[in-house]
């Protein structure tokens, strides 16, 4: 799962300009609570997941809080990859 944590951090750093090196954003910090992710940000993250990992999101059951931390995103990827 470490690989996915790194990939998620790289993507979020590019998308939201988060500096993970200064320790101001932890892996379990909420993107929503920190003001980074709104509905458009969630769509961009889900689109990235779908393209990069062939992840098919069920938009009828999406709860933003399920995708709002580095750890949760890495877990989604890991679970999806293991199901294939």
C-alpha atoms as a PDB file:
ATOM      1  CA  UNK A   1       0.000   0.000   0.000  1.00  0.00           C
ATOM      2  CA  UNK A   2       3.010   2.291   0.468  1.00  0.00           C
ATOM      3  CA  UNK A   3       3.266   2.645  -3.306  1.00  0.00           C
ATOM      4  CA  UNK A   4      -0.309   3.929  -3.474  1.00  0.00           C
ATOM      5  CA  UNK A   5       0.271   6.370  -0.625  1.00  0.00           C
ATOM      6  CA  UNK A   6       3.181   7.836  -2.575  1.00  0.00           C
ATOM      7  CA  UNK A   7       1.171   8.040  -5.801  1.00  0.00           C
ATOM      8  CA  UNK A   8      -1.784   9.676  -4.046  1.00  0.00           C
ATOM      9  CA  UNK A   9       0.500  12.200  -2.325  1.00  0.00           C
ATOM     10  CA  UNK A  10       2.122  13.085  -5.648  1.00  0.00           C
ATOM     11  CA  UNK A  11      -1.251  13.570  -7.316  1.00  0.00           C
ATOM     12  CA  UNK A  12      -2.695  15.649  -4.468  1.00  0.00           C
ATOM     13  CA  UNK A  13       0.449  17.789  -4.340  1.00  0.00           C
ATOM     14  CA  UNK A  14      -0.020  18.513  -8.037  1.00  0.00           C
ATOM     15  CA  UNK A  15      -3.795  18.978  -7.886  1.00  0.00           C
ATOM     16  CA  UNK A  16      -4.123  20.984  -4.669  1.00  0.00           C
ATOM     17  CA  UNK A  17      -0.530  22.237  -4.209  1.00  0.00           C
ATOM     18  CA  UNK A  18      -0.218  20.464  -0.868  1.00  0.00           C
ATOM     19  CA  UNK A  19       3.293  20.473   0.568  1.00  0.00           C
ATOM     20  CA  UNK A  20       3.632  17.162   2.368  1.00  0.00           C
ATOM     21  CA  UNK A  21       7.294  17.864   3.169  1.00  0.00           C
ATOM     22  CA  UNK A  22       6.557  20.575   5.733  1.00  0.00           C
ATOM     23  CA  UNK A  23       4.448  18.186   7.874  1.00  0.00           C
ATOM     24  CA  UNK A  24       1.468  20.565   7.877  1.00  0.00           C
ATOM     25  CA  UNK A  25      -0.702  17.919   6.208  1.00  0.00           C
ATOM     26  CA  UNK A  26      -0.798  14.381   7.615  1.00  0.00           C
ATOM     27  CA  UNK A  27      -1.831  11.264   5.730  1.00  0.00           C
ATOM     28  CA  UNK A  28      -5.059  11.044   7.715  1.00  0.00           C
ATOM     29  CA  UNK A  29      -5.952  14.750   7.546  1.00  0.00           C
ATOM     30  CA  UNK A  30      -9.250  15.455   5.799  1.00  0.00           C
ATOM     31  CA  UNK A  31      -8.998  17.227   2.452  1.00  0.00           C
ATOM     32  CA  UNK A  32     -12.502  18.542   3.116  1.00  0.00           C
ATOM     33  CA  UNK A  33     -11.776  19.889   6.607  1.00  0.00           C
ATOM     34  CA  UNK A  34      -8.525  21.488   5.440  1.00  0.00           C
ATOM     35  CA  UNK A  35     -10.408  23.281   2.636  1.00  0.00           C
ATOM     36  CA  UNK A  36      -8.778  21.513  -0.304  1.00  0.00           C
ATOM     37  CA  UNK A  37     -11.560  19.306  -1.627  1.00  0.00           C
ATOM     38  CA  UNK A  38     -14.973  20.445  -2.755  1.00  0.00           C
ATOM     39  CA  UNK A  39     -17.342  18.710  -5.183  1.00  0.00           C
ATOM     40  CA  UNK A  40     -15.186  19.609  -8.195  1.00  0.00           C
ATOM     41  CA  UNK A  41     -12.075  18.357  -6.415  1.00  0.00           C
ATOM     42  CA  UNK A  42     -13.835  15.077  -5.615  1.00  0.00           C
ATOM     43  CA  UNK A  43     -14.791  14.623  -9.285  1.00  0.00           C
ATOM     44  CA  UNK A  44     -11.187  15.270 -10.322  1.00  0.00           C
ATOM     45  CA  UNK A  45      -9.907  12.709  -7.814  1.00  0.00           C
ATOM     46  CA  UNK A  46     -12.448  10.105  -8.941  1.00  0.00           C
ATOM     47  CA  UNK A  47     -11.586  10.772 -12.594  1.00  0.00           C
ATOM     48  CA  UNK A  48      -7.898  10.283 -11.806  1.00  0.00           C
ATOM     49  CA  UNK A  49      -8.653   7.017  -9.988  1.00  0.00           C
ATOM     50  CA  UNK A  50     -10.672   5.771 -12.939  1.00  0.00           C
ATOM     51  CA  UNK A  51      -7.994   6.620 -15.496  1.00  0.00           C
ATOM     52  CA  UNK A  52      -4.920   5.542 -13.584  1.00  0.00           C
ATOM     53  CA  UNK A  53      -6.235   2.419 -11.873  1.00  0.00           C
ATOM     54  CA  UNK A  54      -9.195   1.457 -14.071  1.00  0.00           C
ATOM     55  CA  UNK A  55     -11.336   2.107 -11.017  1.00  0.00           C
ATOM     56  CA  UNK A  56     -15.062   2.240 -11.645  1.00  0.00           C
ATOM     57  CA  UNK A  57     -16.740   4.514  -9.118  1.00  0.00           C
ATOM     58  CA  UNK A  58     -20.404   3.969  -8.350  1.00  0.00           C
ATOM     59  CA  UNK A  59     -21.579   7.565  -8.371  1.00  0.00           C
ATOM     60  CA  UNK A  60     -24.895   6.660  -6.750  1.00  0.00           C
ATOM     61  CA  UNK A  61     -23.159   5.595  -3.535  1.00  0.00           C
ATOM     62  CA  UNK A  62     -20.267   8.060  -3.291  1.00  0.00           C
ATOM     63  CA  UNK A  63     -19.738   9.660   0.089  1.00  0.00           C
ATOM     64  CA  UNK A  64     -17.083  12.409  -0.098  1.00  0.00           C
ATOM     65  CA  UNK A  65     -15.720  11.526   3.331  1.00  0.00           C
ATOM     66  CA  UNK A  66     -14.762   8.086   1.958  1.00  0.00           C
ATOM     67  CA  UNK A  67     -12.228   9.776  -0.353  1.00  0.00           C
ATOM     68  CA  UNK A  68     -10.978  12.655   1.782  1.00  0.00           C
ATOM     69  CA  UNK A  69      -7.604  11.448   3.096  1.00  0.00           C
ATOM     70  CA  UNK A  70      -4.446  10.045   1.575  1.00  0.00           C
ATOM     71  CA  UNK A  71      -4.911   6.841   3.558  1.00  0.00           C
ATOM     72  CA  UNK A  72      -8.522   6.325   2.430  1.00  0.00           C
ATOM     73  CA  UNK A  73      -7.602   6.897  -1.206  1.00  0.00           C
ATOM     74  CA  UNK A  74      -4.649   4.507  -0.998  1.00  0.00           C
ATOM     75  CA  UNK A  75      -6.897   1.897   0.637  1.00  0.00           C
ATOM     76  CA  UNK A  76      -9.474   2.259  -2.152  1.00  0.00           C
ATOM     77  CA  UNK A  77      -6.762   1.701  -4.733  1.00  0.00           C
ATOM     78  CA  UNK A  78      -5.293  -1.251  -2.854  1.00  0.00           C
ATOM     79  CA  UNK A  79      -8.727  -2.869  -2.440  1.00  0.00           C
ATOM     80  CA  UNK A  80      -9.559  -2.331  -6.109  1.00  0.00           C
ATOM     81  CA  UNK A  81      -6.263  -3.775  -7.308  1.00  0.00           C
ATOM     82  CA  UNK A  82      -6.604  -6.833  -5.052  1.00  0.00           C
ATOM     83  CA  UNK A  83     -10.130  -7.510  -6.403  1.00  0.00           C
ATOM     84  CA  UNK A  84      -8.911  -7.745  -9.996  1.00  0.00           C
END
